[in-house]
Amino acid sequence: MLNTTLYSSDSNPGARPLIIAPGLFGSARNWTAIAKRLSADRPVIALDMRNHGDSFWDDDHSYEAMAGDIAEVIEANGGVADVLGHSMGGKAAMTLALTRPERVEHLIVADIAPENYDHGDNHTALIEAMQEMDISDLTSRSTADERLGEQVFDPGTRAFLLQSLVLRDGPPRWKFNLAALKANMDGILGWPETLEGKQFDGPTLFLSGADSHYVQPEMHERIRGFFPQARFEEVDNAGHWLHAEKPREFEADVARFLNSAS
């Protein structure tokens, strides 16, 4: 089963849990502050997706497989959950809702749509930068940042990736199955054809960054074909990483949706 981090709720420990499925290169650790705050009203379970963090590695990184992983966590935690997924995790959450709707009560999709995207070169370049970087003798994160900076110029991106570089407890290593992620990049950017014609009729929120291009108004009709109850909201002054750029606003929107849809 996936590696999970549970944030118990003191006020409502028996409530239906909220599952958080991070995006590509993300992990449960990246969601710590948000998960803690959202656990004021319900238990929250943050995931390391397969080939990420402390979860298992596998050559299969399809959305069908990732949806099955999330379903297994839900089955071990009461059988039904609310599910929040960002980017890659959002596509996995949508796949779960469309194929196993009995497991999902409310669905929140953060800044992604059921579409094929074409920016794979950017992600592949990051993977190759990590693969080519010599980490064998690293002892400090500042040196790691200098080396990664030779190919990854944005300091925010470097800081995000370096959260998954382990420098203790053995030889330095990335907490990513970089080979599998690179081999599956077309599928990660795509949308499974097998889901065409399926619907999830539960309450669904598509929450996007106002400055992001991932969810455009012209996509709304197609989205409603899959999710007839879809609502669309935006977080102002935020891009694709809306939960990191505007965490308090993001949390408030998520909590409001879950509380109003309950």
Protein backbone atom coordinates (compact mmCIF):
# COMPACT_ATOMS: atom_id res chain seq x y z
CA MET A 1 0.00 0.00 0.00
CA LEU A 2 1.08 3.61 -0.48
CA ASN A 3 2.97 5.39 2.26
CA THR A 4 0.48 7.58 4.12
CA THR A 5 0.58 10.32 6.76
CA LEU A 6 -2.50 10.57 8.97
CA TYR A 7 -3.60 13.83 10.57
CA SER A 8 -6.22 12.96 13.16
CA SER A 9 -9.10 15.29 13.95
CA ASP A 10 -9.62 16.10 17.62
CA SER A 11 -13.01 17.68 16.97
CA ASN A 12 -14.41 15.05 14.60
CA PRO A 13 -12.31 11.87 14.72
CA GLY A 14 -15.02 9.64 13.24
CA ALA A 15 -15.70 11.83 10.22
CA ARG A 16 -15.16 10.67 6.66
CA PRO A 17 -11.45 11.18 5.84
CA LEU A 18 -10.03 13.51 3.25
CA ILE A 19 -7.38 11.89 1.04
CA ILE A 20 -4.72 14.17 -0.51
CA ALA A 21 -3.05 12.91 -3.71
CA PRO A 22 -0.03 15.10 -4.62
CA GLY A 23 1.15 15.93 -8.11
CA LEU A 24 4.28 14.94 -10.02
CA PHE A 25 7.43 15.30 -7.87
CA GLY A 26 5.23 16.02 -4.84
CA SER A 27 4.84 14.09 -1.60
CA ALA A 28 2.82 13.99 1.58
CA ARG A 29 5.52 16.13 3.18
CA ASN A 30 4.73 19.05 0.86
CA TRP A 31 1.15 19.10 2.18
CA THR A 32 1.93 19.03 5.92
CA ALA A 33 0.70 22.52 6.86
CA ILE A 34 -2.46 22.31 4.73
CA ALA A 35 -3.29 18.80 5.96
CA LYS A 36 -2.91 19.87 9.60
CA ARG A 37 -5.23 22.83 9.16
CA LEU A 38 -7.86 20.87 7.23
CA SER A 39 -7.80 18.19 9.94
CA ALA A 40 -9.57 20.64 12.25
CA ASP A 41 -12.85 19.31 10.80
CA ARG A 42 -12.00 15.78 9.64
CA PRO A 43 -9.16 13.26 9.53
CA VAL A 44 -6.77 13.92 6.65
CA ILE A 45 -4.58 11.30 4.98
CA ALA A 46 -1.77 12.62 2.76
CA LEU A 47 -0.21 10.21 0.29
CA ASP A 48 3.12 9.55 -1.31
CA MET A 49 2.09 8.41 -4.78
CA ARG A 50 3.81 5.36 -6.29
CA ASN A 51 7.37 6.12 -7.45
CA HIS A 52 7.45 9.09 -5.05
CA GLY A 53 8.50 9.66 -1.45
CA ASP A 54 8.46 6.54 0.73
CA SER A 55 5.99 4.61 -1.41
CA PHE A 56 6.91 1.61 -3.52
CA TRP A 57 8.47 1.79 -6.97
CA ASP A 58 6.84 0.18 -9.99
CA ASP A 59 7.30 0.34 -13.76
CA ASP A 60 3.54 0.89 -14.13
CA HIS A 61 2.73 4.55 -13.51
CA SER A 62 -0.64 4.60 -15.28
CA TYR A 63 -3.64 6.48 -13.93
CA GLU A 64 -5.53 3.21 -13.63
CA ALA A 65 -2.78 1.90 -11.34
CA MET A 66 -2.63 5.12 -9.32
CA ALA A 67 -6.41 5.10 -8.89
CA GLY A 68 -6.16 1.56 -7.60
CA ASP A 69 -3.55 2.66 -5.07
CA ILE A 70 -5.84 5.39 -3.73
CA ALA A 71 -8.77 2.97 -3.60
CA GLU A 72 -6.68 0.60 -1.47
CA VAL A 73 -5.98 3.38 1.03
CA ILE A 74 -9.67 4.29 1.16
CA GLU A 75 -10.67 0.65 1.67
CA ALA A 76 -8.28 0.49 4.63
CA ASN A 77 -9.81 3.66 6.13
CA GLY A 78 -13.55 3.15 6.15
CA GLY A 79 -14.33 2.44 2.50
CA VAL A 80 -15.48 5.93 1.47
CA ALA A 81 -13.55 9.22 1.45
CA ASP A 82 -13.44 12.73 0.09
CA VAL A 83 -10.53 12.99 -2.34
CA LEU A 84 -8.37 15.99 -3.21
CA GLY A 85 -5.81 15.65 -6.00
CA HIS A 86 -3.41 18.18 -7.49
CA SER A 87 -2.14 17.95 -11.07
CA MET A 88 -1.07 14.31 -11.62
CA GLY A 89 -2.80 13.46 -8.35
CA GLY A 90 -5.89 15.23 -9.65
CA LYS A 91 -5.97 13.02 -12.74
CA ALA A 92 -5.54 9.95 -10.53
CA ALA A 93 -8.40 11.18 -8.31
CA MET A 94 -10.63 11.76 -11.36
CA THR A 95 -9.81 8.28 -12.63
CA LEU A 96 -10.75 6.83 -9.26
CA ALA A 97 -14.06 8.71 -9.14
CA LEU A 98 -14.96 7.63 -12.67
CA THR A 99 -14.06 3.97 -12.21
CA ARG A 100 -14.91 3.37 -8.53
CA PRO A 101 -17.47 6.04 -7.66
CA GLU A 102 -18.61 4.13 -4.59
CA ARG A 103 -15.29 5.03 -2.93
CA VAL A 104 -15.57 8.81 -3.43
CA GLU A 105 -18.08 11.10 -1.73
CA HIS A 106 -16.70 14.52 -2.72
CA LEU A 107 -14.01 15.19 -5.31
CA ILE A 108 -11.68 18.20 -5.45
CA VAL A 109 -9.43 18.59 -8.49
CA ALA A 110 -6.67 21.18 -8.12
CA ASP A 111 -5.51 22.86 -11.33
CA ILE A 112 -5.82 20.05 -13.85
CA ALA A 113 -8.43 18.89 -16.36
CA PRO A 114 -9.24 15.56 -18.07
CA GLU A 115 -7.10 16.60 -21.01
CA ASN A 116 -3.90 15.72 -22.83
CA TYR A 117 -1.14 18.26 -22.17
CA ASP A 118 1.97 18.90 -24.26
CA HIS A 119 4.59 20.27 -21.84
CA GLY A 120 6.39 16.99 -21.29
CA ASP A 121 9.75 18.36 -22.37
CA ASN A 122 9.85 20.58 -19.28
CA HIS A 123 9.25 17.68 -16.89
CA THR A 124 11.60 15.38 -18.76
CA ALA A 125 14.33 18.03 -18.55
CA LEU A 126 13.93 18.11 -14.76
CA ILE A 127 14.17 14.34 -14.57
CA GLU A 128 17.30 14.33 -16.72
CA ALA A 129 18.85 17.07 -14.59
CA MET A 130 18.34 14.94 -11.49
CA GLN A 131 19.63 11.82 -13.24
CA GLU A 132 22.77 13.57 -14.51
CA MET A 133 23.60 15.35 -11.26
CA ASP A 134 26.41 13.73 -9.25
CA ILE A 135 24.99 13.17 -5.77
CA SER A 136 27.43 10.49 -4.59
CA ASP A 137 29.54 12.80 -2.42
CA LEU A 138 26.90 15.27 -1.30
CA THR A 139 26.75 16.20 2.38
CA SER A 140 24.95 19.57 2.29
CA ARG A 141 21.78 20.86 0.71
CA SER A 142 23.50 24.09 -0.33
CA THR A 143 25.99 22.14 -2.45
CA ALA A 144 23.12 20.13 -3.91
CA ASP A 145 21.36 23.36 -4.81
CA GLU A 146 24.49 24.66 -6.55
CA ARG A 147 24.84 21.50 -8.62
CA LEU A 148 21.17 21.29 -9.56
CA GLY A 149 21.31 24.99 -10.44
CA GLU A 150 23.62 24.20 -13.34
CA GLN A 151 20.59 22.88 -15.22
CA VAL A 152 17.53 23.98 -13.23
CA PHE A 153 17.65 27.77 -13.07
CA ASP A 154 14.49 28.56 -11.09
CA PRO A 155 15.31 28.55 -7.34
CA GLY A 156 11.73 27.68 -6.37
CA THR A 157 11.74 24.60 -8.59
CA ARG A 158 15.11 23.52 -7.19
CA ALA A 159 13.91 23.95 -3.61
CA PHE A 160 10.83 21.86 -4.37
CA LEU A 161 12.80 19.03 -5.99
CA LEU A 162 15.48 19.03 -3.30
CA GLN A 163 12.87 18.26 -0.65
CA SER A 164 13.02 14.74 -2.09
CA LEU A 165 16.80 14.37 -1.95
CA VAL A 166 17.92 12.27 1.02
CA LEU A 167 21.38 13.10 2.40
CA ARG A 168 21.27 10.99 5.57
CA ASP A 169 20.79 7.34 6.48
CA GLY A 170 22.98 5.90 3.75
CA PRO A 171 24.21 7.09 0.37
CA PRO A 172 22.48 10.20 -1.05
CA ARG A 173 19.43 9.31 -3.11
CA TRP A 174 16.38 10.81 -4.78
CA LYS A 175 13.00 9.71 -3.47
CA PHE A 176 11.76 9.41 -7.05
CA ASN A 177 11.83 6.47 -9.43
CA LEU A 178 13.22 8.76 -12.10
CA ALA A 179 13.51 6.06 -14.75
CA ALA A 180 9.87 5.03 -14.40
CA LEU A 181 8.61 8.62 -14.37
CA LYS A 182 10.57 9.43 -17.52
CA ALA A 183 9.36 6.28 -19.29
CA ASN A 184 5.73 7.05 -18.38
CA MET A 185 5.77 10.78 -19.14
CA ASP A 186 3.42 10.54 -22.13
CA GLY A 187 0.86 8.77 -19.97
CA ILE A 188 1.28 11.22 -17.10
CA LEU A 189 0.56 14.13 -19.44
CA GLY A 190 -2.26 12.27 -21.16
CA TRP A 191 -5.77 11.20 -20.26
CA PRO A 192 -6.90 7.55 -20.47
CA GLU A 193 -9.12 6.91 -23.48
CA THR A 194 -10.84 4.15 -21.50
CA LEU A 195 -12.54 6.82 -19.35
CA GLU A 196 -14.43 8.42 -22.23
CA GLY A 197 -18.18 8.14 -21.65
CA LYS A 198 -17.91 7.54 -17.88
CA GLN A 199 -19.43 9.89 -15.29
CA PHE A 200 -19.08 10.67 -11.61
CA ASP A 201 -22.29 12.21 -10.29
CA GLY A 202 -21.03 13.32 -6.88
CA PRO A 203 -20.19 16.88 -5.82
CA THR A 204 -17.01 18.01 -7.58
CA LEU A 205 -14.91 21.16 -7.29
CA PHE A 206 -12.36 22.19 -9.91
CA LEU A 207 -10.17 24.67 -8.04
CA SER A 208 -7.61 26.43 -10.22
CA GLY A 209 -5.01 29.14 -10.00
CA ALA A 210 -6.29 32.29 -11.69
CA ASP A 211 -2.88 32.77 -13.34
CA SER A 212 -2.60 29.16 -14.51
CA HIS A 213 -3.36 27.89 -18.01
CA TYR A 214 -4.15 24.28 -17.07
CA VAL A 215 -7.94 24.69 -16.82
CA GLN A 216 -9.42 27.01 -19.45
CA PRO A 217 -13.09 28.08 -19.75
CA GLU A 218 -13.39 26.23 -23.05
CA MET A 219 -12.65 22.99 -21.17
CA HIS A 220 -15.65 23.34 -18.86
CA GLU A 221 -18.16 21.66 -21.17
CA ARG A 222 -15.95 18.60 -21.57
CA ILE A 223 -15.33 18.48 -17.81
CA ARG A 224 -19.07 18.55 -17.11
CA GLY A 225 -19.45 15.60 -19.46
CA PHE A 226 -17.46 13.56 -16.94
CA PHE A 227 -18.53 15.43 -13.79
CA PRO A 228 -22.09 16.83 -14.19
CA GLN A 229 -22.03 18.48 -10.74
CA ALA A 230 -18.71 20.24 -11.34
CA ARG A 231 -18.20 23.68 -9.81
CA PHE A 232 -15.38 25.94 -10.99
CA GLU A 233 -13.51 28.32 -8.70
CA GLU A 234 -10.20 30.17 -8.91
CA VAL A 235 -7.63 31.28 -6.36
CA ASP A 236 -6.54 34.82 -7.19
CA ASN A 237 -2.87 35.62 -7.79
CA ALA A 238 -1.94 31.93 -7.95
CA GLY A 239 -0.58 29.71 -10.69
CA HIS A 240 -0.39 25.93 -11.05
CA TRP A 241 1.09 25.50 -7.55
CA LEU A 242 -1.89 27.28 -6.01
CA HIS A 243 -1.75 25.35 -2.73
CA ALA A 244 1.86 26.47 -2.17
CA GLU A 245 1.43 30.03 -3.43
CA LYS A 246 -1.83 30.82 -1.60
CA PRO A 247 -2.22 28.09 1.05
CA ARG A 248 -4.68 29.90 3.34
CA GLU A 249 -6.98 30.82 0.45
CA PHE A 250 -6.70 27.29 -0.93
CA GLU A 251 -7.57 25.74 2.45
CA ALA A 252 -10.55 28.05 2.88
CA ASP A 253 -11.96 27.12 -0.54
CA VAL A 254 -11.50 23.40 0.11
CA ALA A 255 -13.08 23.57 3.57
CA ARG A 256 -16.00 25.65 2.33
CA PHE A 257 -16.74 23.18 -0.44
CA LEU A 258 -16.55 20.13 1.82
CA ASN A 259 -18.69 21.73 4.52
CA SER A 260 -21.32 23.02 2.09
CA ALA A 261 -21.49 19.77 0.14
CA SER A 262 -21.76 17.53 3.20
